[in-house]
Amino acid sequence: MARDRPHSLRRIYVPTIPAEGSALLDEDARHHLEVLRLAPGTEIELFDGKGTVARATLEGSTAHVLERSVRDEATIVLVLGLPKGSLTDEIVRMTTELGVSRLCLTRCERTVPKWDDSRGAKRLARWTRIAQQAARQSERAFVPAIEAPRPLHELIDNAPADATRLFAWARESSRAAVRVTSPCWIAVGPEGGFSDAERTHFENAGWLSISLGPNVLRVDTAAAAAIALTHRSLESQKA
């Protein structure tokens, strides 16, 4: 849904937006502006990925802040079994556009890929850049935090007790209504889904199982569907 701003206004990510004065543009932002060939004095929109946005004008390697505001949105945490190959890239892009607030990767019984800590920092940095680009394109004020894989039992047990806690179960046939509130945690398994033992752990910890539809989905499709359904449920309660 479009924001109340000119459609031609280019969006630039910056780590910090001051209340007044100028924001420093990092190398990625300056490169992006060079590609766009925007002249000094051009009005743009800045966003810091934490909810603050601002109208600003370009001034070389900085942008002068004209008007700043702070937005808010529901908190949706995705617990995701680490997928195979490059699927995580696409999942980060899609779920960022759909409104995920935090992506917690996890190791499950059926997780296939091995996480290499020596390469992990580079992978997390790449996924963060993908999330920033997706937030810029989709006009979000927030960029989701992306966390290195942790054991599933830690995430199950440490999720806030006052949050809506859901896990997707491919064979779930129940149609019981679930009232989704913010914050919401929703878990999607890796290829092959969660095991029976993991399902039992979820249920013993107070998580509720949900269906993402009658068909068995790929993990990237399931992740996108989970965030879309959760976001839609939260928005419908505002109406």
C-alpha atoms as a PDB file:
ATOM      1  CA  MET A   1       0.000   0.000   0.000  1.00  0.00           C
ATOM      2  CA  ALA A   2       1.453   3.366  -0.996  1.00  0.00           C
ATOM      3  CA  ARG A   3       2.461   5.897   1.636  1.00  0.00           C
ATOM      4  CA  ASP A   4       1.370   9.536   1.648  1.00  0.00           C
ATOM      5  CA  ARG A   5       4.399  10.799  -0.261  1.00  0.00           C
ATOM      6  CA  PRO A   6       5.190  11.595  -3.919  1.00  0.00           C
ATOM      7  CA  HIS A   7       5.653   8.391  -5.914  1.00  0.00           C
ATOM      8  CA  SER A   8       8.798   9.819  -7.539  1.00  0.00           C
ATOM      9  CA  LEU A   9      10.577  10.350  -4.204  1.00  0.00           C
ATOM     10  CA  ARG A  10      13.585   8.019  -4.029  1.00  0.00           C
ATOM     11  CA  ARG A  11      14.160   6.139  -0.765  1.00  0.00           C
ATOM     12  CA  ILE A  12      17.613   5.787   0.779  1.00  0.00           C
ATOM     13  CA  TYR A  13      18.631   3.717   3.796  1.00  0.00           C
ATOM     14  CA  VAL A  14      20.818   5.417   6.405  1.00  0.00           C
ATOM     15  CA  PRO A  15      21.723   3.967   9.827  1.00  0.00           C
ATOM     16  CA  THR A  16      20.856   7.170  11.716  1.00  0.00           C
ATOM     17  CA  ILE A  17      18.528  10.090  11.002  1.00  0.00           C
ATOM     18  CA  PRO A  18      19.131  13.164  13.189  1.00  0.00           C
ATOM     19  CA  ALA A  19      16.229  15.268  14.436  1.00  0.00           C
ATOM     20  CA  GLU A  20      17.737  18.197  12.544  1.00  0.00           C
ATOM     21  CA  GLY A  21      20.780  18.902  10.431  1.00  0.00           C
ATOM     22  CA  SER A  22      22.213  16.375   7.977  1.00  0.00           C
ATOM     23  CA  ALA A  23      22.458  12.600   7.790  1.00  0.00           C
ATOM     24  CA  LEU A  24      25.684  11.036   6.561  1.00  0.00           C
ATOM     25  CA  LEU A  25      25.281   8.769   3.521  1.00  0.00           C
ATOM     26  CA  ASP A  26      27.347   5.587   3.579  1.00  0.00           C
ATOM     27  CA  GLU A  27      29.143   4.083   0.592  1.00  0.00           C
ATOM     28  CA  ASP A  28      26.190   1.931  -0.486  1.00  0.00           C
ATOM     29  CA  ALA A  29      23.814   4.915  -0.367  1.00  0.00           C
ATOM     30  CA  ARG A  30      26.208   7.147  -2.324  1.00  0.00           C
ATOM     31  CA  HIS A  31      26.685   4.430  -4.946  1.00  0.00           C
ATOM     32  CA  HIS A  32      22.928   3.999  -5.281  1.00  0.00           C
ATOM     33  CA  LEU A  33      22.483   7.751  -5.755  1.00  0.00           C
ATOM     34  CA  GLU A  34      25.246   7.826  -8.373  1.00  0.00           C
ATOM     35  CA  VAL A  35      23.448   5.101 -10.310  1.00  0.00           C
ATOM     36  CA  LEU A  36      20.220   7.151 -10.114  1.00  0.00           C
ATOM     37  CA  ARG A  37      22.133  10.298 -11.179  1.00  0.00           C
ATOM     38  CA  LEU A  38      20.331  12.495  -8.674  1.00  0.00           C
ATOM     39  CA  ALA A  39      21.577  16.083  -8.555  1.00  0.00           C
ATOM     40  CA  PRO A  40      22.335  18.070  -5.373  1.00  0.00           C
ATOM     41  CA  GLY A  41      19.160  19.631  -4.010  1.00  0.00           C
ATOM     42  CA  THR A  42      16.988  16.685  -5.096  1.00  0.00           C
ATOM     43  CA  GLU A  43      14.411  15.743  -2.466  1.00  0.00           C
ATOM     44  CA  ILE A  44      14.550  12.134  -1.260  1.00  0.00           C
ATOM     45  CA  GLU A  45      13.149  10.048   1.596  1.00  0.00           C
ATOM     46  CA  LEU A  46      15.472   8.590   4.225  1.00  0.00           C
ATOM     47  CA  PHE A  47      14.658   5.588   6.420  1.00  0.00           C
ATOM     48  CA  ASP A  48      16.769   4.056   9.176  1.00  0.00           C
ATOM     49  CA  GLY A  49      15.162   0.600   9.307  1.00  0.00           C
ATOM     50  CA  LYS A  50      13.994   1.200  12.887  1.00  0.00           C
ATOM     51  CA  GLY A  51      10.841   3.178  12.129  1.00  0.00           C
ATOM     52  CA  THR A  52      12.168   6.687  11.510  1.00  0.00           C
ATOM     53  CA  VAL A  53      11.670   8.280   8.090  1.00  0.00           C
ATOM     54  CA  ALA A  54      12.468  11.773   6.841  1.00  0.00           C
ATOM     55  CA  ARG A  55      12.141  14.027   3.838  1.00  0.00           C
ATOM     56  CA  ALA A  56      15.564  15.368   2.953  1.00  0.00           C
ATOM     57  CA  THR A  57      17.547  17.072   0.208  1.00  0.00           C
ATOM     58  CA  LEU A  58      20.837  15.843  -1.198  1.00  0.00           C
ATOM     59  CA  GLU A  59      23.999  17.739  -0.278  1.00  0.00           C
ATOM     60  CA  GLY A  60      26.962  15.804  -1.655  1.00  0.00           C
ATOM     61  CA  SER A  61      27.761  12.956   0.764  1.00  0.00           C
ATOM     62  CA  THR A  62      25.012  14.032   3.175  1.00  0.00           C
ATOM     63  CA  ALA A  63      21.276  14.633   3.101  1.00  0.00           C
ATOM     64  CA  HIS A  64      19.752  17.645   4.865  1.00  0.00           C
ATOM     65  CA  VAL A  65      16.724  16.628   6.948  1.00  0.00           C
ATOM     66  CA  LEU A  66      13.594  18.669   6.226  1.00  0.00           C
ATOM     67  CA  GLU A  67      10.959  16.761   8.178  1.00  0.00           C
ATOM     68  CA  ARG A  68      11.253  13.640  10.318  1.00  0.00           C
ATOM     69  CA  SER A  69       8.582  11.242  11.593  1.00  0.00           C
ATOM     70  CA  VAL A  70       8.397   7.910  13.394  1.00  0.00           C
ATOM     71  CA  ARG A  71       6.194   5.035  12.286  1.00  0.00           C
ATOM     72  CA  ASP A  72       5.025   1.945  14.131  1.00  0.00           C
ATOM     73  CA  GLU A  73       4.062  -1.539  13.023  1.00  0.00           C
ATOM     74  CA  ALA A  74       3.122  -4.925  14.437  1.00  0.00           C
ATOM     75  CA  THR A  75       5.894  -7.269  15.577  1.00  0.00           C
ATOM     76  CA  ILE A  76       6.052 -10.527  13.616  1.00  0.00           C
ATOM     77  CA  VAL A  77       8.926 -12.913  14.365  1.00  0.00           C
ATOM     78  CA  LEU A  78       9.613 -15.744  11.912  1.00  0.00           C
ATOM     79  CA  VAL A  79      11.406 -18.819  13.251  1.00  0.00           C
ATOM     80  CA  LEU A  80      12.714 -20.579  10.148  1.00  0.00           C
ATOM     81  CA  GLY A  81      14.398 -23.934   9.726  1.00  0.00           C
ATOM     82  CA  LEU A  82      17.574 -23.153   7.756  1.00  0.00           C
ATOM     83  CA  PRO A  83      16.722 -23.891   4.081  1.00  0.00           C
ATOM     84  CA  LYS A  84      18.946 -25.473   1.461  1.00  0.00           C
ATOM     85  CA  GLY A  85      20.877 -23.571  -1.188  1.00  0.00           C
ATOM     86  CA  SER A  86      20.053 -19.944  -1.925  1.00  0.00           C
ATOM     87  CA  LEU A  87      16.421 -20.114  -0.813  1.00  0.00           C
ATOM     88  CA  THR A  88      17.170 -17.919   2.200  1.00  0.00           C
ATOM     89  CA  ASP A  89      17.924 -14.969  -0.116  1.00  0.00           C
ATOM     90  CA  GLU A  90      14.431 -15.105  -1.595  1.00  0.00           C
ATOM     91  CA  ILE A  91      12.780 -15.755   1.764  1.00  0.00           C
ATOM     92  CA  VAL A  92      14.452 -12.661   3.231  1.00  0.00           C
ATOM     93  CA  ARG A  93      13.264 -10.553   0.305  1.00  0.00           C
ATOM     94  CA  MET A  94       9.673 -11.807   0.311  1.00  0.00           C
ATOM     95  CA  THR A  95       9.125 -11.787   4.065  1.00  0.00           C
ATOM     96  CA  THR A  96      10.630  -8.299   4.378  1.00  0.00           C
ATOM     97  CA  GLU A  97       8.166  -7.008   1.803  1.00  0.00           C
ATOM     98  CA  LEU A  98       5.340  -8.790   3.644  1.00  0.00           C
ATOM     99  CA  GLY A  99       6.164  -7.279   7.048  1.00  0.00           C
ATOM    100  CA  VAL A 100       8.394  -9.620   9.074  1.00  0.00           C
ATOM    101  CA  SER A 101      10.123  -7.848  11.983  1.00  0.00           C
ATOM    102  CA  ARG A 102      12.749 -10.436  12.881  1.00  0.00           C
ATOM    103  CA  LEU A 103      14.015 -13.606  11.224  1.00  0.00           C
ATOM    104  CA  CYS A 104      15.406 -16.233  13.596  1.00  0.00           C
ATOM    105  CA  LEU A 105      17.090 -19.050  11.694  1.00  0.00           C
ATOM    106  CA  THR A 106      17.140 -22.378  13.471  1.00  0.00           C
ATOM    107  CA  ARG A 107      18.559 -25.896  13.349  1.00  0.00           C
ATOM    108  CA  CYS A 108      15.914 -28.623  13.343  1.00  0.00           C
ATOM    109  CA  GLU A 109      16.054 -32.422  13.216  1.00  0.00           C
ATOM    110  CA  ARG A 110      15.477 -32.333   9.441  1.00  0.00           C
ATOM    111  CA  THR A 111      17.754 -29.381   8.669  1.00  0.00           C
ATOM    112  CA  VAL A 112      20.117 -30.360   5.844  1.00  0.00           C
ATOM    113  CA  PRO A 113      22.595 -27.446   5.440  1.00  0.00           C
ATOM    114  CA  LYS A 114      25.521 -27.099   7.820  1.00  0.00           C
ATOM    115  CA  TRP A 115      26.161 -23.636   9.253  1.00  0.00           C
ATOM    116  CA  ASP A 116      29.770 -22.560   8.902  1.00  0.00           C
ATOM    117  CA  ASP A 117      30.591 -19.859  11.460  1.00  0.00           C
ATOM    118  CA  SER A 118      33.609 -18.738   9.411  1.00  0.00           C
ATOM    119  CA  ARG A 119      31.296 -17.831   6.515  1.00  0.00           C
ATOM    120  CA  GLY A 120      28.235 -17.036   8.599  1.00  0.00           C
ATOM    121  CA  ALA A 121      29.005 -13.350   9.153  1.00  0.00           C
ATOM    122  CA  LYS A 122      29.243 -12.755   5.392  1.00  0.00           C
ATOM    123  CA  ARG A 123      25.962 -14.558   4.794  1.00  0.00           C
ATOM    124  CA  LEU A 124      24.192 -12.540   7.493  1.00  0.00           C
ATOM    125  CA  ALA A 125      25.604  -9.319   6.019  1.00  0.00           C
ATOM    126  CA  ARG A 126      24.326 -10.286   2.546  1.00  0.00           C
ATOM    127  CA  TRP A 127      20.857 -11.110   3.895  1.00  0.00           C
ATOM    128  CA  THR A 128      20.782  -7.788   5.756  1.00  0.00           C
ATOM    129  CA  ARG A 129      21.560  -5.949   2.503  1.00  0.00           C
ATOM    130  CA  ILE A 130      18.785  -7.877   0.753  1.00  0.00           C
ATOM    131  CA  ALA A 131      16.401  -6.902   3.568  1.00  0.00           C
ATOM    132  CA  GLN A 132      17.415  -3.230   3.286  1.00  0.00           C
ATOM    133  CA  GLN A 133      16.805  -3.276  -0.465  1.00  0.00           C
ATOM    134  CA  ALA A 134      13.441  -4.993  -0.017  1.00  0.00           C
ATOM    135  CA  ALA A 135      12.384  -2.483   2.653  1.00  0.00           C
ATOM    136  CA  ARG A 136      13.394   0.398   0.391  1.00  0.00           C
ATOM    137  CA  GLN A 137      11.434  -0.998  -2.547  1.00  0.00           C
ATOM    138  CA  SER A 138       8.329  -1.891  -0.512  1.00  0.00           C
ATOM    139  CA  GLU A 139       8.261   1.465   1.334  1.00  0.00           C
ATOM    140  CA  ARG A 140       8.675  -0.083   4.768  1.00  0.00           C
ATOM    141  CA  ALA A 141      10.168   1.953   7.595  1.00  0.00           C
ATOM    142  CA  PHE A 142      11.623  -1.148   9.256  1.00  0.00           C
ATOM    143  CA  VAL A 143      14.374  -3.575   8.235  1.00  0.00           C
ATOM    144  CA  PRO A 144      14.078  -6.970   9.944  1.00  0.00           C
ATOM    145  CA  ALA A 145      16.887  -8.247  12.150  1.00  0.00           C
ATOM    146  CA  ILE A 146      18.334 -11.521  10.829  1.00  0.00           C
ATOM    147  CA  GLU A 147      19.880 -13.886  13.351  1.00  0.00           C
ATOM    148  CA  ALA A 148      22.324 -16.772  12.949  1.00  0.00           C
ATOM    149  CA  PRO A 149      20.899 -20.265  13.470  1.00  0.00           C
ATOM    150  CA  ARG A 150      20.186 -21.397  17.021  1.00  0.00           C
ATOM    151  CA  PRO A 151      18.838 -24.747  18.236  1.00  0.00           C
ATOM    152  CA  LEU A 152      15.076 -24.934  17.829  1.00  0.00           C
ATOM    153  CA  HIS A 153      14.459 -25.831  21.481  1.00  0.00           C
ATOM    154  CA  GLU A 154      16.053 -22.537  22.597  1.00  0.00           C
ATOM    155  CA  LEU A 155      13.704 -20.493  20.427  1.00  0.00           C
ATOM    156  CA  ILE A 156      10.655 -22.512  21.443  1.00  0.00           C
ATOM    157  CA  ASP A 157      11.386 -22.136  25.158  1.00  0.00           C
ATOM    158  CA  ASN A 158      12.516 -18.485  25.063  1.00  0.00           C
ATOM    159  CA  ALA A 159       9.684 -16.955  23.051  1.00  0.00           C
ATOM    160  CA  PRO A 160       7.730 -14.480  25.226  1.00  0.00           C
ATOM    161  CA  ALA A 161       4.851 -16.134  27.018  1.00  0.00           C
ATOM    162  CA  ASP A 162       2.570 -13.184  26.243  1.00  0.00           C
ATOM    163  CA  ALA A 163       3.185 -13.435  22.479  1.00  0.00           C
ATOM    164  CA  THR A 164       0.971 -15.292  20.032  1.00  0.00           C
ATOM    165  CA  ARG A 165       3.082 -18.410  19.332  1.00  0.00           C
ATOM    166  CA  LEU A 166       2.283 -20.492  16.250  1.00  0.00           C
ATOM    167  CA  PHE A 167       3.962 -23.227  14.239  1.00  0.00           C
ATOM    168  CA  ALA A 168       3.043 -24.391  10.755  1.00  0.00           C
ATOM    169  CA  TRP A 169       2.197 -28.061  10.502  1.00  0.00           C
ATOM    170  CA  ALA A 170       1.759 -29.440   6.989  1.00  0.00           C
ATOM    171  CA  ARG A 171      -0.732 -32.127   8.028  1.00  0.00           C
ATOM    172  CA  GLU A 172      -2.763 -29.883  10.308  1.00  0.00           C
ATOM    173  CA  SER A 173      -6.493 -30.317   9.690  1.00  0.00           C
ATOM    174  CA  SER A 174      -7.839 -28.260  12.591  1.00  0.00           C
ATOM    175  CA  ARG A 175      -9.773 -25.150  11.644  1.00  0.00           C
ATOM    176  CA  ALA A 176      -9.956 -23.746  15.174  1.00  0.00           C
ATOM    177  CA  ALA A 177      -9.860 -19.957  15.196  1.00  0.00           C
ATOM    178  CA  VAL A 178      -6.660 -18.430  16.560  1.00  0.00           C
ATOM    179  CA  ARG A 179      -6.673 -14.819  17.712  1.00  0.00           C
ATOM    180  CA  VAL A 180      -3.391 -13.341  16.477  1.00  0.00           C
ATOM    181  CA  THR A 181      -1.980 -10.423  18.452  1.00  0.00           C
ATOM    182  CA  SER A 182       1.294  -8.522  18.360  1.00  0.00           C
ATOM    183  CA  PRO A 183       3.929  -9.640  19.075  1.00  0.00           C
ATOM    184  CA  CYS A 184       3.435 -12.826  17.093  1.00  0.00           C
ATOM    185  CA  TRP A 185       5.988 -15.613  16.704  1.00  0.00           C
ATOM    186  CA  ILE A 186       5.417 -18.084  13.879  1.00  0.00           C
ATOM    187  CA  ALA A 187       7.655 -21.077  13.098  1.00  0.00           C
ATOM    188  CA  VAL A 188       8.146 -22.740   9.711  1.00  0.00           C
ATOM    189  CA  GLY A 189      10.190 -25.919   9.398  1.00  0.00           C
ATOM    190  CA  PRO A 190      12.905 -26.786   6.880  1.00  0.00           C
ATOM    191  CA  GLU A 191      12.457 -29.088   3.901  1.00  0.00           C
ATOM    192  CA  GLY A 192      10.593 -32.069   5.348  1.00  0.00           C
ATOM    193  CA  GLY A 193       8.952 -29.964   8.047  1.00  0.00           C
ATOM    194  CA  PHE A 194       9.112 -30.379  11.790  1.00  0.00           C
ATOM    195  CA  SER A 195       9.425 -33.843  13.315  1.00  0.00           C
ATOM    196  CA  ASP A 196       6.810 -35.377  15.613  1.00  0.00           C
ATOM    197  CA  ALA A 197       9.132 -34.814  18.576  1.00  0.00           C
ATOM    198  CA  GLU A 198       9.476 -31.134  17.660  1.00  0.00           C
ATOM    199  CA  ARG A 199       5.710 -30.821  17.377  1.00  0.00           C
ATOM    200  CA  THR A 200       5.364 -32.251  20.868  1.00  0.00           C
ATOM    201  CA  HIS A 201       7.928 -29.751  22.167  1.00  0.00           C
ATOM    202  CA  PHE A 202       6.001 -26.864  20.572  1.00  0.00           C
ATOM    203  CA  GLU A 203       2.727 -28.014  22.098  1.00  0.00           C
ATOM    204  CA  ASN A 204       4.202 -28.624  25.564  1.00  0.00           C
ATOM    205  CA  ALA A 205       5.594 -25.067  25.489  1.00  0.00           C
ATOM    206  CA  GLY A 206       2.184 -23.589  24.654  1.00  0.00           C
ATOM    207  CA  TRP A 207       2.603 -23.010  20.908  1.00  0.00           C
ATOM    208  CA  LEU A 208      -0.418 -23.615  18.649  1.00  0.00           C
ATOM    209  CA  SER A 209      -0.296 -25.471  15.344  1.00  0.00           C
ATOM    210  CA  ILE A 210      -1.800 -23.859  12.256  1.00  0.00           C
ATOM    211  CA  SER A 211      -2.385 -24.881   8.658  1.00  0.00           C
ATOM    212  CA  LEU A 212      -1.070 -22.849   5.713  1.00  0.00           C
ATOM    213  CA  GLY A 213      -3.568 -24.496   3.389  1.00  0.00           C
ATOM    214  CA  PRO A 214      -4.451 -27.935   2.005  1.00  0.00           C
ATOM    215  CA  ASN A 215      -1.239 -28.404  -0.003  1.00  0.00           C
ATOM    216  CA  VAL A 216       2.321 -29.251   1.072  1.00  0.00           C
ATOM    217  CA  LEU A 217       4.399 -26.115   0.390  1.00  0.00           C
ATOM    218  CA  ARG A 218       8.060 -25.493  -0.339  1.00  0.00           C
ATOM    219  CA  VAL A 219       9.828 -23.814   2.560  1.00  0.00           C
ATOM    220  CA  ASP A 220      10.108 -20.466   0.734  1.00  0.00           C
ATOM    221  CA  THR A 221       6.410 -20.526  -0.166  1.00  0.00           C
ATOM    222  CA  ALA A 222       5.502 -21.562   3.390  1.00  0.00           C
ATOM    223  CA  ALA A 223       7.553 -18.745   4.929  1.00  0.00           C
ATOM    224  CA  ALA A 224       5.911 -16.125   2.707  1.00  0.00           C
ATOM    225  CA  ALA A 225       2.448 -17.558   3.306  1.00  0.00           C
ATOM    226  CA  ALA A 226       2.993 -17.593   7.079  1.00  0.00           C
ATOM    227  CA  ILE A 227       3.946 -13.915   7.201  1.00  0.00           C
ATOM    228  CA  ALA A 228       1.215 -12.867   4.778  1.00  0.00           C
ATOM    229  CA  LEU A 229      -1.501 -14.699   6.740  1.00  0.00           C
ATOM    230  CA  THR A 230      -0.233 -13.374  10.067  1.00  0.00           C
ATOM    231  CA  HIS A 231      -0.024  -9.792   8.800  1.00  0.00           C
ATOM    232  CA  ARG A 232      -3.485 -10.016   7.265  1.00  0.00           C
ATOM    233  CA  SER A 233      -4.926 -11.320  10.532  1.00  0.00           C
ATOM    234  CA  LEU A 234      -3.337  -8.467  12.491  1.00  0.00           C
ATOM    235  CA  GLU A 235      -4.556  -5.863  10.004  1.00  0.00           C
ATOM    236  CA  SER A 236      -8.106  -7.253   9.963  1.00  0.00           C
ATOM    237  CA  GLN A 237      -8.343  -6.729  13.712  1.00  0.00           C
ATOM    238  CA  LYS A 238      -7.599  -3.017  13.236  1.00  0.00           C
ATOM    239  CA  ALA A 239     -10.511  -2.585  10.843  1.00  0.00           C
END
